[in-house]
Full PDB file with SEQRES, HELIX, SHEET, SSBOND, CRYST1, ORIGX, SCALE, CONECT and MASTER records, all heavy atoms in Angstrom:
SEQRES   1 A   40  ALA GLU LEU TRP HIS ARG VAL GLY TRP ARG ASP ARG ILE          
SEQRES   2 A   40  VAL PRO ASN GLU GLU ILE LYS CYS LYS GLY CYS SER SER          
SEQRES   3 A   40  ASN LYS GLN CYS THR TYR GLN LEU VAL GLU CYS THR LYS          
SEQRES   4 A   40  GLU                                                          
HELIX    1 AA1 GLU A    2  VAL A    7  1                                   6    
HELIX    2 AA2 ASN A   16  ILE A   19  1                                   4    
HELIX    3 AA3 LEU A   34  LYS A   39  1                                   6    
CRYST1    1.000    1.000    1.000  90.00  90.00  90.00 P 1           1          
ORIGX1      1.000000  0.000000  0.000000        0.00000                         
ORIGX2      0.000000  1.000000  0.000000        0.00000                         
ORIGX3      0.000000  0.000000  1.000000        0.00000                         
SCALE1      1.000000  0.000000  0.000000        0.00000                         
SCALE2      0.000000  1.000000  0.000000        0.00000                         
SCALE3      0.000000  0.000000  1.000000        0.00000                         
ATOM      1  N   ALA A   1      45.915 161.328 135.623  1.00  0.00           N  
ATOM      2  CA  ALA A   1      44.962 161.091 134.534  1.00  0.00           C  
ATOM      3  C   ALA A   1      44.829 162.330 133.653  1.00  0.00           C  
ATOM      4  O   ALA A   1      44.767 162.226 132.416  1.00  0.00           O  
ATOM      5  CB  ALA A   1      43.604 160.681 135.101  1.00  0.00           C  
ATOM      6  N   GLU A   2      44.800 163.498 134.275  1.00  0.00           N  
ATOM      7  CA  GLU A   2      44.730 164.747 133.503  1.00  0.00           C  
ATOM      8  C   GLU A   2      45.998 164.944 132.661  1.00  0.00           C  
ATOM      9  O   GLU A   2      45.922 165.326 131.488  1.00  0.00           O  
ATOM     10  CB  GLU A   2      44.549 165.945 134.442  1.00  0.00           C  
ATOM     11  CG  GLU A   2      43.181 166.017 135.066  1.00  0.00           C  
ATOM     12  CD  GLU A   2      43.057 167.137 136.095  1.00  0.00           C  
ATOM     13  OE1 GLU A   2      44.083 167.545 136.700  1.00  0.00           O  
ATOM     14  OE2 GLU A   2      41.923 167.613 136.288  1.00  0.00           O  
ATOM     15  N   LEU A   3      47.156 164.676 133.256  1.00  0.00           N  
ATOM     16  CA  LEU A   3      48.423 164.829 132.551  1.00  0.00           C  
ATOM     17  C   LEU A   3      48.526 163.842 131.390  1.00  0.00           C  
ATOM     18  O   LEU A   3      48.917 164.209 130.281  1.00  0.00           O  
ATOM     19  CB  LEU A   3      49.590 164.643 133.527  1.00  0.00           C  
ATOM     20  CG  LEU A   3      51.003 164.761 132.951  1.00  0.00           C  
ATOM     21  CD1 LEU A   3      51.224 166.137 132.314  1.00  0.00           C  
ATOM     22  CD2 LEU A   3      52.038 164.481 134.035  1.00  0.00           C  
ATOM     23  N   TRP A   4      48.147 162.607 131.614  1.00  0.00           N  
ATOM     24  CA  TRP A   4      48.216 161.582 130.558  1.00  0.00           C  
ATOM     25  C   TRP A   4      47.318 161.980 129.377  1.00  0.00           C  
ATOM     26  O   TRP A   4      47.672 161.770 128.227  1.00  0.00           O  
ATOM     27  CB  TRP A   4      47.807 160.223 131.112  1.00  0.00           C  
ATOM     28  CG  TRP A   4      48.921 159.293 131.496  1.00  0.00           C  
ATOM     29  CD1 TRP A   4      49.003 157.972 131.169  1.00  0.00           C  
ATOM     30  CD2 TRP A   4      50.090 159.558 132.289  1.00  0.00           C  
ATOM     31  NE1 TRP A   4      50.150 157.417 131.698  1.00  0.00           N  
ATOM     32  CE2 TRP A   4      50.830 158.379 132.391  1.00  0.00           C  
ATOM     33  CE3 TRP A   4      50.578 160.707 132.918  1.00  0.00           C  
ATOM     34  CZ2 TRP A   4      52.035 158.291 133.087  1.00  0.00           C  
ATOM     35  CZ3 TRP A   4      51.774 160.626 133.623  1.00  0.00           C  
ATOM     36  CH2 TRP A   4      52.486 159.427 133.688  1.00  0.00           C  
ATOM     37  N   HIS A   5      46.176 162.545 129.679  1.00  0.00           N  
ATOM     38  CA  HIS A   5      45.276 163.022 128.624  1.00  0.00           C  
ATOM     39  C   HIS A   5      45.910 164.193 127.865  1.00  0.00           C  
ATOM     40  O   HIS A   5      45.913 164.222 126.636  1.00  0.00           O  
ATOM     41  CB  HIS A   5      43.926 163.427 129.212  1.00  0.00           C  
ATOM     42  CG  HIS A   5      43.010 164.072 128.237  1.00  0.00           C  
ATOM     43  ND1 HIS A   5      42.507 163.416 127.130  1.00  0.00           N  
ATOM     44  CD2 HIS A   5      42.519 165.325 128.182  1.00  0.00           C  
ATOM     45  CE1 HIS A   5      41.745 164.247 126.447  1.00  0.00           C  
ATOM     46  NE2 HIS A   5      41.742 165.413 127.063  1.00  0.00           N  
ATOM     47  N   ARG A   6      46.472 165.127 128.595  1.00  0.00           N  
ATOM     48  CA  ARG A   6      47.068 166.315 127.974  1.00  0.00           C  
ATOM     49  C   ARG A   6      48.218 165.957 127.033  1.00  0.00           C  
ATOM     50  O   ARG A   6      48.370 166.546 125.974  1.00  0.00           O  
ATOM     51  CB  ARG A   6      47.539 167.285 129.061  1.00  0.00           C  
ATOM     52  CG  ARG A   6      47.929 168.628 128.504  1.00  0.00           C  
ATOM     53  CD  ARG A   6      48.107 169.730 129.551  1.00  0.00           C  
ATOM     54  NE  ARG A   6      48.043 169.337 130.933  1.00  0.00           N  
ATOM     55  CZ  ARG A   6      49.080 169.379 131.786  1.00  0.00           C  
ATOM     56  NH1 ARG A   6      50.253 169.818 131.400  1.00  0.00           N  
ATOM     57  NH2 ARG A   6      48.922 169.008 133.044  1.00  0.00           N  
ATOM     58  N   VAL A   7      49.047 164.986 127.414  1.00  0.00           N  
ATOM     59  CA  VAL A   7      50.184 164.632 126.563  1.00  0.00           C  
ATOM     60  C   VAL A   7      49.816 163.641 125.464  1.00  0.00           C  
ATOM     61  O   VAL A   7      50.609 163.398 124.568  1.00  0.00           O  
ATOM     62  CB  VAL A   7      51.397 164.128 127.372  1.00  0.00           C  
ATOM     63  CG1 VAL A   7      51.876 165.178 128.340  1.00  0.00           C  
ATOM     64  CG2 VAL A   7      51.118 162.827 128.067  1.00  0.00           C  
ATOM     65  N   GLY A   8      48.611 163.074 125.537  1.00  0.00           N  
ATOM     66  CA  GLY A   8      48.159 162.181 124.472  1.00  0.00           C  
ATOM     67  C   GLY A   8      48.311 160.699 124.753  1.00  0.00           C  
ATOM     68  O   GLY A   8      48.155 159.874 123.854  1.00  0.00           O  
ATOM     69  N   TRP A   9      48.597 160.332 125.989  1.00  0.00           N  
ATOM     70  CA  TRP A   9      48.706 158.922 126.334  1.00  0.00           C  
ATOM     71  C   TRP A   9      47.348 158.291 126.616  1.00  0.00           C  
ATOM     72  O   TRP A   9      47.234 157.077 126.705  1.00  0.00           O  
ATOM     73  CB  TRP A   9      49.643 158.724 127.525  1.00  0.00           C  
ATOM     74  CG  TRP A   9      51.080 159.029 127.174  1.00  0.00           C  
ATOM     75  CD1 TRP A   9      51.664 158.904 125.943  1.00  0.00           C  
ATOM     76  CD2 TRP A   9      52.096 159.497 128.042  1.00  0.00           C  
ATOM     77  NE1 TRP A   9      52.976 159.268 126.001  1.00  0.00           N  
ATOM     78  CE2 TRP A   9      53.275 159.642 127.284  1.00  0.00           C  
ATOM     79  CE3 TRP A   9      52.126 159.819 129.393  1.00  0.00           C  
ATOM     80  CZ2 TRP A   9      54.476 160.079 127.827  1.00  0.00           C  
ATOM     81  CZ3 TRP A   9      53.328 160.260 129.933  1.00  0.00           C  
ATOM     82  CH2 TRP A   9      54.484 160.383 129.158  1.00  0.00           C  
ATOM     83  N   ARG A  10      46.323 159.115 126.754  1.00  0.00           N  
ATOM     84  CA  ARG A  10      44.934 158.662 126.882  1.00  0.00           C  
ATOM     85  C   ARG A  10      44.072 159.600 126.049  1.00  0.00           C  
ATOM     86  O   ARG A  10      44.383 160.777 125.907  1.00  0.00           O  
ATOM     87  CB  ARG A  10      44.451 158.702 128.345  1.00  0.00           C  
ATOM     88  CG  ARG A  10      45.149 157.744 129.280  1.00  0.00           C  
ATOM     89  CD  ARG A  10      44.789 156.298 128.957  1.00  0.00           C  
ATOM     90  NE  ARG A  10      45.293 155.352 129.924  1.00  0.00           N  
ATOM     91  CZ  ARG A  10      46.522 154.845 129.941  1.00  0.00           C  
ATOM     92  NH1 ARG A  10      47.402 155.240 129.053  1.00  0.00           N  
ATOM     93  NH2 ARG A  10      46.886 153.969 130.848  1.00  0.00           N  
ATOM     94  N   ASP A  11      42.981 159.080 125.527  1.00  0.00           N  
ATOM     95  CA  ASP A  11      42.098 159.901 124.687  1.00  0.00           C  
ATOM     96  C   ASP A  11      41.087 160.692 125.509  1.00  0.00           C  
ATOM     97  O   ASP A  11      40.309 161.466 124.957  1.00  0.00           O  
ATOM     98  CB  ASP A  11      41.399 159.043 123.635  1.00  0.00           C  
ATOM     99  CG  ASP A  11      40.504 157.969 124.229  1.00  0.00           C  
ATOM    100  OD1 ASP A  11      40.454 157.821 125.471  1.00  0.00           O  
ATOM    101  OD2 ASP A  11      39.852 157.267 123.445  1.00  0.00           O  
ATOM    102  N   ARG A  12      41.097 160.488 126.822  1.00  0.00           N  
ATOM    103  CA  ARG A  12      40.197 161.195 127.731  1.00  0.00           C  
ATOM    104  C   ARG A  12      40.796 161.105 129.133  1.00  0.00           C  
ATOM    105  O   ARG A  12      41.748 160.360 129.351  1.00  0.00           O  
ATOM    106  CB  ARG A  12      38.807 160.581 127.713  1.00  0.00           C  
ATOM    107  CG  ARG A  12      38.789 159.131 128.129  1.00  0.00           C  
ATOM    108  CD  ARG A  12      37.431 158.457 127.963  1.00  0.00           C  
ATOM    109  NE  ARG A  12      37.487 157.036 128.023  1.00  0.00           N  
ATOM    110  CZ  ARG A  12      37.786 156.290 129.082  1.00  0.00           C  
ATOM    111  NH1 ARG A  12      38.077 156.852 130.224  1.00  0.00           N  
ATOM    112  NH2 ARG A  12      37.791 154.979 129.020  1.00  0.00           N  
ATOM    113  N   ILE A  13      40.234 161.854 130.060  1.00  0.00           N  
ATOM    114  CA  ILE A  13      40.663 161.726 131.461  1.00  0.00           C  
ATOM    115  C   ILE A  13      39.977 160.483 132.011  1.00  0.00           C  
ATOM    116  O   ILE A  13      38.754 160.451 132.145  1.00  0.00           O  
ATOM    117  CB  ILE A  13      40.308 162.982 132.273  1.00  0.00           C  
ATOM    118  CG1 ILE A  13      41.043 164.201 131.684  1.00  0.00           C  
ATOM    119  CG2 ILE A  13      40.666 162.787 133.748  1.00  0.00           C  
ATOM    120  CD1 ILE A  13      40.640 165.523 132.296  1.00  0.00           C  
ATOM    121  N   VAL A  14      40.769 159.471 132.284  1.00  0.00           N  
ATOM    122  CA  VAL A  14      40.218 158.181 132.709  1.00  0.00           C  
ATOM    123  C   VAL A  14      40.000 158.157 134.220  1.00  0.00           C  
ATOM    124  O   VAL A  14      40.600 158.956 134.959  1.00  0.00           O  
ATOM    125  CB  VAL A  14      41.143 157.012 132.287  1.00  0.00           C  
ATOM    126  CG1 VAL A  14      41.271 156.945 130.774  1.00  0.00           C  
ATOM    127  CG2 VAL A  14      42.502 157.116 132.948  1.00  0.00           C  
ATOM    128  N   PRO A  15      39.148 157.242 134.695  1.00  0.00           N  
ATOM    129  CA  PRO A  15      38.922 157.116 136.144  1.00  0.00           C  
ATOM    130  C   PRO A  15      40.206 156.713 136.874  1.00  0.00           C  
ATOM    131  O   PRO A  15      41.100 156.089 136.288  1.00  0.00           O  
ATOM    132  CB  PRO A  15      37.878 155.999 136.248  1.00  0.00           C  
ATOM    133  CG  PRO A  15      37.294 155.861 134.887  1.00  0.00           C  
ATOM    134  CD  PRO A  15      38.320 156.322 133.915  1.00  0.00           C  
ATOM    135  N   ASN A  16      40.277 157.058 138.134  1.00  0.00           N  
ATOM    136  CA  ASN A  16      41.457 156.747 138.941  1.00  0.00           C  
ATOM    137  C   ASN A  16      41.814 155.269 138.915  1.00  0.00           C  
ATOM    138  O   ASN A  16      42.988 154.916 138.863  1.00  0.00           O  
ATOM    139  CB  ASN A  16      41.253 157.214 140.381  1.00  0.00           C  
ATOM    140  CG  ASN A  16      41.357 158.719 140.502  1.00  0.00           C  
ATOM    141  OD1 ASN A  16      41.662 159.422 139.543  1.00  0.00           O  
ATOM    142  ND2 ASN A  16      41.095 159.228 141.696  1.00  0.00           N  
ATOM    143  N   GLU A  17      40.820 154.419 138.969  1.00  0.00           N  
ATOM    144  CA  GLU A  17      41.100 152.983 138.983  1.00  0.00           C  
ATOM    145  C   GLU A  17      41.794 152.541 137.696  1.00  0.00           C  
ATOM    146  O   GLU A  17      42.647 151.655 137.711  1.00  0.00           O  
ATOM    147  CB  GLU A  17      39.803 152.176 139.191  1.00  0.00           C  
ATOM    148  CG  GLU A  17      40.025 150.700 139.415  1.00  0.00           C  
ATOM    149  CD  GLU A  17      41.017 150.359 140.533  1.00  0.00           C  
ATOM    150  OE1 GLU A  17      41.008 151.021 141.592  1.00  0.00           O  
ATOM    151  OE2 GLU A  17      41.806 149.417 140.349  1.00  0.00           O  
ATOM    152  N   GLU A  18      41.462 153.179 136.598  1.00  0.00           N  
ATOM    153  CA  GLU A  18      42.087 152.829 135.316  1.00  0.00           C  
ATOM    154  C   GLU A  18      43.511 153.369 135.207  1.00  0.00           C  
ATOM    155  O   GLU A  18      44.380 152.721 134.624  1.00  0.00           O  
ATOM    156  CB  GLU A  18      41.250 153.364 134.156  1.00  0.00           C  
ATOM    157  CG  GLU A  18      41.760 152.926 132.800  1.00  0.00           C  
ATOM    158  CD  GLU A  18      40.863 153.373 131.665  1.00  0.00           C  
ATOM    159  OE1 GLU A  18      39.630 153.481 131.865  1.00  0.00           O  
ATOM    160  OE2 GLU A  18      41.398 153.604 130.570  1.00  0.00           O  
ATOM    161  N   ILE A  19      43.787 154.536 135.776  1.00  0.00           N  
ATOM    162  CA  ILE A  19      45.118 155.139 135.655  1.00  0.00           C  
ATOM    163  C   ILE A  19      46.080 154.571 136.697  1.00  0.00           C  
ATOM    164  O   ILE A  19      47.294 154.615 136.523  1.00  0.00           O  
ATOM    165  CB  ILE A  19      45.057 156.686 135.738  1.00  0.00           C  
ATOM    166  CG1 ILE A  19      46.307 157.310 135.088  1.00  0.00           C  
ATOM    167  CG2 ILE A  19      44.905 157.172 137.167  1.00  0.00           C  
ATOM    168  CD1 ILE A  19      46.372 157.200 133.618  1.00  0.00           C  
ATOM    169  N   LYS A  20      45.562 154.000 137.758  1.00  0.00           N  
ATOM    170  CA  LYS A  20      46.404 153.466 138.832  1.00  0.00           C  
ATOM    171  C   LYS A  20      47.370 152.421 138.276  1.00  0.00           C  
ATOM    172  O   LYS A  20      46.985 151.528 137.543  1.00  0.00           O  
ATOM    173  CB  LYS A  20      45.521 152.841 139.915  1.00  0.00           C  
ATOM    174  CG  LYS A  20      46.265 152.413 141.132  1.00  0.00           C  
ATOM    175  CD  LYS A  20      45.294 151.927 142.192  1.00  0.00           C  
ATOM    176  CE  LYS A  20      46.035 151.626 143.467  1.00  0.00           C  
ATOM    177  NZ  LYS A  20      45.119 151.214 144.520  1.00  0.00           N  
ATOM    178  N   CYS A  21      48.638 152.557 138.629  1.00  0.00           N  
ATOM    179  CA  CYS A  21      49.660 151.623 138.151  1.00  0.00           C  
ATOM    180  C   CYS A  21      49.561 150.317 138.931  1.00  0.00           C  
ATOM    181  O   CYS A  21      49.615 150.304 140.152  1.00  0.00           O  
ATOM    182  CB  CYS A  21      51.056 152.229 138.325  1.00  0.00           C  
ATOM    183  SG  CYS A  21      52.366 151.110 137.789  1.00  0.00           S  
ATOM    184  N   LYS A  22      49.444 149.253 138.179  1.00  0.00           N  
ATOM    185  CA  LYS A  22      49.404 147.926 138.790  1.00  0.00           C  
ATOM    186  C   LYS A  22      50.694 147.176 138.504  1.00  0.00           C  
ATOM    187  O   LYS A  22      50.817 145.995 138.772  1.00  0.00           O  
ATOM    188  CB  LYS A  22      48.183 147.168 138.294  1.00  0.00           C  
ATOM    189  CG  LYS A  22      46.880 147.825 138.729  1.00  0.00           C  
ATOM    190  CD  LYS A  22      45.682 147.166 138.082  1.00  0.00           C  
ATOM    191  CE  LYS A  22      44.384 147.801 138.501  1.00  0.00           C  
ATOM    192  NZ  LYS A  22      44.126 149.113 137.972  1.00  0.00           N  
ATOM    193  N   GLY A  23      51.651 147.889 137.904  1.00  0.00           N  
ATOM    194  CA  GLY A  23      52.955 147.303 137.617  1.00  0.00           C  
ATOM    195  C   GLY A  23      52.949 146.456 136.361  1.00  0.00           C  
ATOM    196  O   GLY A  23      51.901 146.070 135.855  1.00  0.00           O  
ATOM    197  N   CYS A  24      54.129 146.206 135.866  1.00  0.00           N  
ATOM    198  CA  CYS A  24      54.277 145.346 134.688  1.00  0.00           C  
ATOM    199  C   CYS A  24      54.288 143.898 135.146  1.00  0.00           C  
ATOM    200  O   CYS A  24      54.765 143.582 136.220  1.00  0.00           O  
ATOM    201  CB  CYS A  24      55.592 145.649 133.966  1.00  0.00           C  
ATOM    202  SG  CYS A  24      55.607 147.256 133.157  1.00  0.00           S  
ATOM    203  N   SER A  25      53.731 143.052 134.341  1.00  0.00           N  
ATOM    204  CA  SER A  25      53.773 141.624 134.620  1.00  0.00           C  
ATOM    205  C   SER A  25      53.696 140.877 133.300  1.00  0.00           C  
ATOM    206  O   SER A  25      53.381 141.449 132.261  1.00  0.00           O  
ATOM    207  CB  SER A  25      52.607 141.212 135.526  1.00  0.00           C  
ATOM    208  OG  SER A  25      51.403 141.211 134.785  1.00  0.00           O  
ATOM    209  N   SER A  26      53.967 139.599 133.360  1.00  0.00           N  
ATOM    210  CA  SER A  26      53.934 138.793 132.139  1.00  0.00           C  
ATOM    211  C   SER A  26      52.505 138.633 131.617  1.00  0.00           C  
ATOM    212  O   SER A  26      52.312 138.198 130.494  1.00  0.00           O  
ATOM    213  CB  SER A  26      54.560 137.429 132.394  1.00  0.00           C  
ATOM    214  OG  SER A  26      53.856 136.772 133.425  1.00  0.00           O  
ATOM    215  N   ASN A  27      51.512 138.997 132.417  1.00  0.00           N  
ATOM    216  CA  ASN A  27      50.118 138.895 131.984  1.00  0.00           C  
ATOM    217  C   ASN A  27      49.577 140.193 131.398  1.00  0.00           C  
ATOM    218  O   ASN A  27      48.493 140.224 130.856  1.00  0.00           O  
ATOM    219  CB  ASN A  27      49.231 138.480 133.162  1.00  0.00           C  
ATOM    220  CG  ASN A  27      49.652 137.160 133.737  1.00  0.00           C  
ATOM    221  OD1 ASN A  27      49.977 136.245 133.009  1.00  0.00           O  
ATOM    222  ND2 ASN A  27      49.673 137.066 135.050  1.00  0.00           N  
ATOM    223  N   LYS A  28      50.342 141.273 131.554  1.00  0.00           N  
ATOM    224  CA  LYS A  28      49.882 142.584 131.100  1.00  0.00           C  
ATOM    225  C   LYS A  28      50.132 142.734 129.597  1.00  0.00           C  
ATOM    226  O   LYS A  28      51.185 142.369 129.095  1.00  0.00           O  
ATOM    227  CB  LYS A  28      50.637 143.673 131.867  1.00  0.00           C  
ATOM    228  CG  LYS A  28      50.192 145.069 131.518  1.00  0.00           C  
ATOM    229  CD  LYS A  28      50.961 146.085 132.332  1.00  0.00           C  
ATOM    230  CE  LYS A  28      50.535 147.479 131.944  1.00  0.00           C  
ATOM    231  NZ  LYS A  28      51.290 148.487 132.657  1.00  0.00           N  
ATOM    232  N   GLN A  29      49.160 143.297 128.906  1.00  0.00           N  
ATOM    233  CA  GLN A  29      49.342 143.575 127.492  1.00  0.00           C  
ATOM    234  C   GLN A  29      50.244 144.791 127.353  1.00  0.00           C  
ATOM    235  O   GLN A  29      50.038 145.815 127.986  1.00  0.00           O  
ATOM    236  CB  GLN A  29      48.002 143.838 126.804  1.00  0.00           C  
ATOM    237  CG  GLN A  29      48.156 144.008 125.315  1.00  0.00           C  
ATOM    238  CD  GLN A  29      46.822 144.194 124.623  1.00  0.00           C  
ATOM    239  OE1 GLN A  29      45.783 144.283 125.260  1.00  0.00           O  
ATOM    240  NE2 GLN A  29      46.856 144.241 123.314  1.00  0.00           N  
ATOM    241  N   CYS A  30      51.247 144.680 126.516  1.00  0.00           N  
ATOM    242  CA  CYS A  30      52.228 145.744 126.316  1.00  0.00           C  
ATOM    243  C   CYS A  30      51.933 146.461 125.003  1.00  0.00           C  
ATOM    244  O   CYS A  30      51.759 145.820 123.968  1.00  0.00           O  
ATOM    245  CB  CYS A  30      53.630 145.136 126.283  1.00  0.00           C  
ATOM    246  SG  CYS A  30      54.945 146.279 125.865  1.00  0.00           S  
ATOM    247  N   THR A  31      51.883 147.778 125.051  1.00  0.00           N  
ATOM    248  CA  THR A  31      51.642 148.598 123.862  1.00  0.00           C  
ATOM    249  C   THR A  31      52.649 148.287 122.761  1.00  0.00           C  
ATOM    250  O   THR A  31      52.335 148.347 121.586  1.00  0.00           O  
ATOM    251  CB  THR A  31      51.753 150.092 124.226  1.00  0.00           C  
ATOM    252  OG1 THR A  31      50.870 150.360 125.294  1.00  0.00           O  
ATOM    253  CG2 THR A  31      51.428 150.985 123.064  1.00  0.00           C  
ATOM    254  N   TYR A  32      53.864 147.962 123.157  1.00  0.00           N  
ATOM    255  CA  TYR A  32      54.933 147.717 122.194  1.00  0.00           C  
ATOM    256  C   TYR A  32      55.126 146.230 121.890  1.00  0.00           C  
ATOM    257  O   TYR A  32      56.053 145.859 121.195  1.00  0.00           O  
ATOM    258  CB  TYR A  32      56.247 148.303 122.726  1.00  0.00           C  
ATOM    259  CG  TYR A  32      56.147 149.755 123.099  1.00  0.00           C  
ATOM    260  CD1 TYR A  32      56.271 150.160 124.417  1.00  0.00           C  
ATOM    261  CD2 TYR A  32      55.938 150.735 122.136  1.00  0.00           C  
ATOM    262  CE1 TYR A  32      56.193 151.501 124.766  1.00  0.00           C  
ATOM    263  CE2 TYR A  32      55.852 152.071 122.478  1.00  0.00           C  
ATOM    264  CZ  TYR A  32      55.984 152.450 123.791  1.00  0.00           C  
ATOM    265  OH  TYR A  32      55.907 153.777 124.132  1.00  0.00           O  
ATOM    266  N   GLN A  33      54.302 145.364 122.464  1.00  0.00           N  
ATOM    267  CA  GLN A  33      54.388 143.908 122.317  1.00  0.00           C  
ATOM    268  C   GLN A  33      55.701 143.328 122.857  1.00  0.00           C  
ATOM    269  O   GLN A  33      56.158 142.273 122.420  1.00  0.00           O  
ATOM    270  CB  GLN A  33      54.188 143.453 120.856  1.00  0.00           C  
ATOM    271  CG  GLN A  33      52.799 143.651 120.296  1.00  0.00           C  
ATOM    272  CD  GLN A  33      52.595 145.067 119.755  1.00  0.00           C  
ATOM    273  OE1 GLN A  33      53.482 145.617 119.120  1.00  0.00           O  
ATOM    274  NE2 GLN A  33      51.443 145.636 120.018  1.00  0.00           N  
ATOM    275  N   LEU A  34      56.315 144.012 123.811  1.00  0.00           N  
ATOM    276  CA  LEU A  34      57.597 143.557 124.340  1.00  0.00           C  
ATOM    277  C   LEU A  34      57.441 142.400 125.321  1.00  0.00           C  
ATOM    278  O   LEU A  34      58.311 141.532 125.389  1.00  0.00           O  
ATOM    279  CB  LEU A  34      58.346 144.712 124.999  1.00  0.00           C  
ATOM    280  CG  LEU A  34      58.695 145.883 124.074  1.00  0.00           C  
ATOM    281  CD1 LEU A  34      59.429 146.969 124.843  1.00  0.00           C  
ATOM    282  CD2 LEU A  34      59.494 145.426 122.872  1.00  0.00           C  
ATOM    283  N   VAL A  35      56.363 142.383 126.080  1.00  0.00           N  
ATOM    284  CA  VAL A  35      56.139 141.277 127.022  1.00  0.00           C  
ATOM    285  C   VAL A  35      56.038 139.972 126.239  1.00  0.00           C  
ATOM    286  O   VAL A  35      56.715 138.983 126.548  1.00  0.00           O  
ATOM    287  CB  VAL A  35      54.866 141.509 127.874  1.00  0.00           C  
ATOM    288  CG1 VAL A  35      54.523 140.277 128.690  1.00  0.00           C  
ATOM    289  CG2 VAL A  35      55.052 142.714 128.782  1.00  0.00           C  
ATOM    290  N   GLU A  36      55.231 140.001 125.187  1.00  0.00           N  
ATOM    291  CA  GLU A  36      55.059 138.806 124.366  1.00  0.00           C  
ATOM    292  C   GLU A  36      56.371 138.425 123.670  1.00  0.00           C  
ATOM    293  O   GLU A  36      56.728 137.254 123.570  1.00  0.00           O  
ATOM    294  CB  GLU A  36      53.974 139.052 123.297  1.00  0.00           C  
ATOM    295  CG  GLU A  36      52.598 139.382 123.857  1.00  0.00           C  
ATOM    296  CD  GLU A  36      52.380 140.855 124.217  1.00  0.00           C  
ATOM    297  OE1 GLU A  36      53.322 141.675 124.149  1.00  0.00           O  
ATOM    298  OE2 GLU A  36      51.232 141.187 124.586  1.00  0.00           O  
ATOM    299  N   CYS A  37      57.101 139.424 123.209  1.00  0.00           N  
ATOM    300  CA  CYS A  37      58.338 139.193 122.472  1.00  0.00           C  
ATOM    301  C   CYS A  37      59.417 138.569 123.361  1.00  0.00           C  
ATOM    302  O   CYS A  37      60.119 137.651 122.936  1.00  0.00           O  
ATOM    303  CB  CYS A  37      58.824 140.505 121.862  1.00  0.00           C  
ATOM    304  SG  CYS A  37      60.147 140.312 120.649  1.00  0.00           S  
ATOM    305  N   THR A  38      59.557 139.071 124.583  1.00  0.00           N  
ATOM    306  CA  THR A  38      60.573 138.491 125.470  1.00  0.00           C  
ATOM    307  C   THR A  38      60.233 137.043 125.809  1.00  0.00           C  
ATOM    308  O   THR A  38      61.126 136.203 125.893  1.00  0.00           O  
ATOM    309  CB  THR A  38      60.748 139.319 126.768  1.00  0.00           C  
ATOM    310  OG1 THR A  38      59.480 139.485 127.403  1.00  0.00           O  
ATOM    311  CG2 THR A  38      61.390 140.660 126.496  1.00  0.00           C  
ATOM    312  N   LYS A  39      58.943 136.758 125.971  1.00  0.00           N  
ATOM    313  CA  LYS A  39      58.526 135.362 126.208  1.00  0.00           C  
ATOM    314  C   LYS A  39      58.914 134.499 125.009  1.00  0.00           C  
ATOM    315  O   LYS A  39      59.471 133.411 125.164  1.00  0.00           O  
ATOM    316  CB  LYS A  39      57.009 135.276 126.405  1.00  0.00           C  
ATOM    317  CG  LYS A  39      56.513 135.664 127.751  1.00  0.00           C  
ATOM    318  CD  LYS A  39      55.008 135.428 127.799  1.00  0.00           C  
ATOM    319  CE  LYS A  39      54.363 136.065 128.970  1.00  0.00           C  
ATOM    320  NZ  LYS A  39      52.898 135.904 128.964  1.00  0.00           N  
ATOM    321  N   GLU A  40      58.597 135.001 123.829  1.00  0.00           N  
ATOM    322  CA  GLU A  40      58.872 134.293 122.577  1.00  0.00           C  
ATOM    323  C   GLU A  40      60.365 133.998 122.412  1.00  0.00           C  
ATOM    324  O   GLU A  40      60.748 132.940 121.918  1.00  0.00           O  
ATOM    325  CB  GLU A  40      58.404 135.181 121.420  1.00  0.00           C  
ATOM    326  CG  GLU A  40      58.072 134.484 120.154  1.00  0.00           C  
ATOM    327  CD  GLU A  40      57.502 135.487 119.156  1.00  0.00           C  
ATOM    328  OE1 GLU A  40      56.319 135.875 119.305  1.00  0.00           O  
ATOM    329  OE2 GLU A  40      58.259 135.885 118.249  1.00  0.00           O  
TER     330      GLU A  40                                                      
MASTER        0    0    0    3    0    0    0    6  329    1    0    4          
END                                                                             
């Protein structure tokens, strides 16, 4: 969480539960809209 904040991937140091990776899935919102695009 500290590293993600430092490099600019988060605007603050987020709680552990928020930074924890839950993996990619077809239900996850993608920053690049690729999940939606591949479905389309």
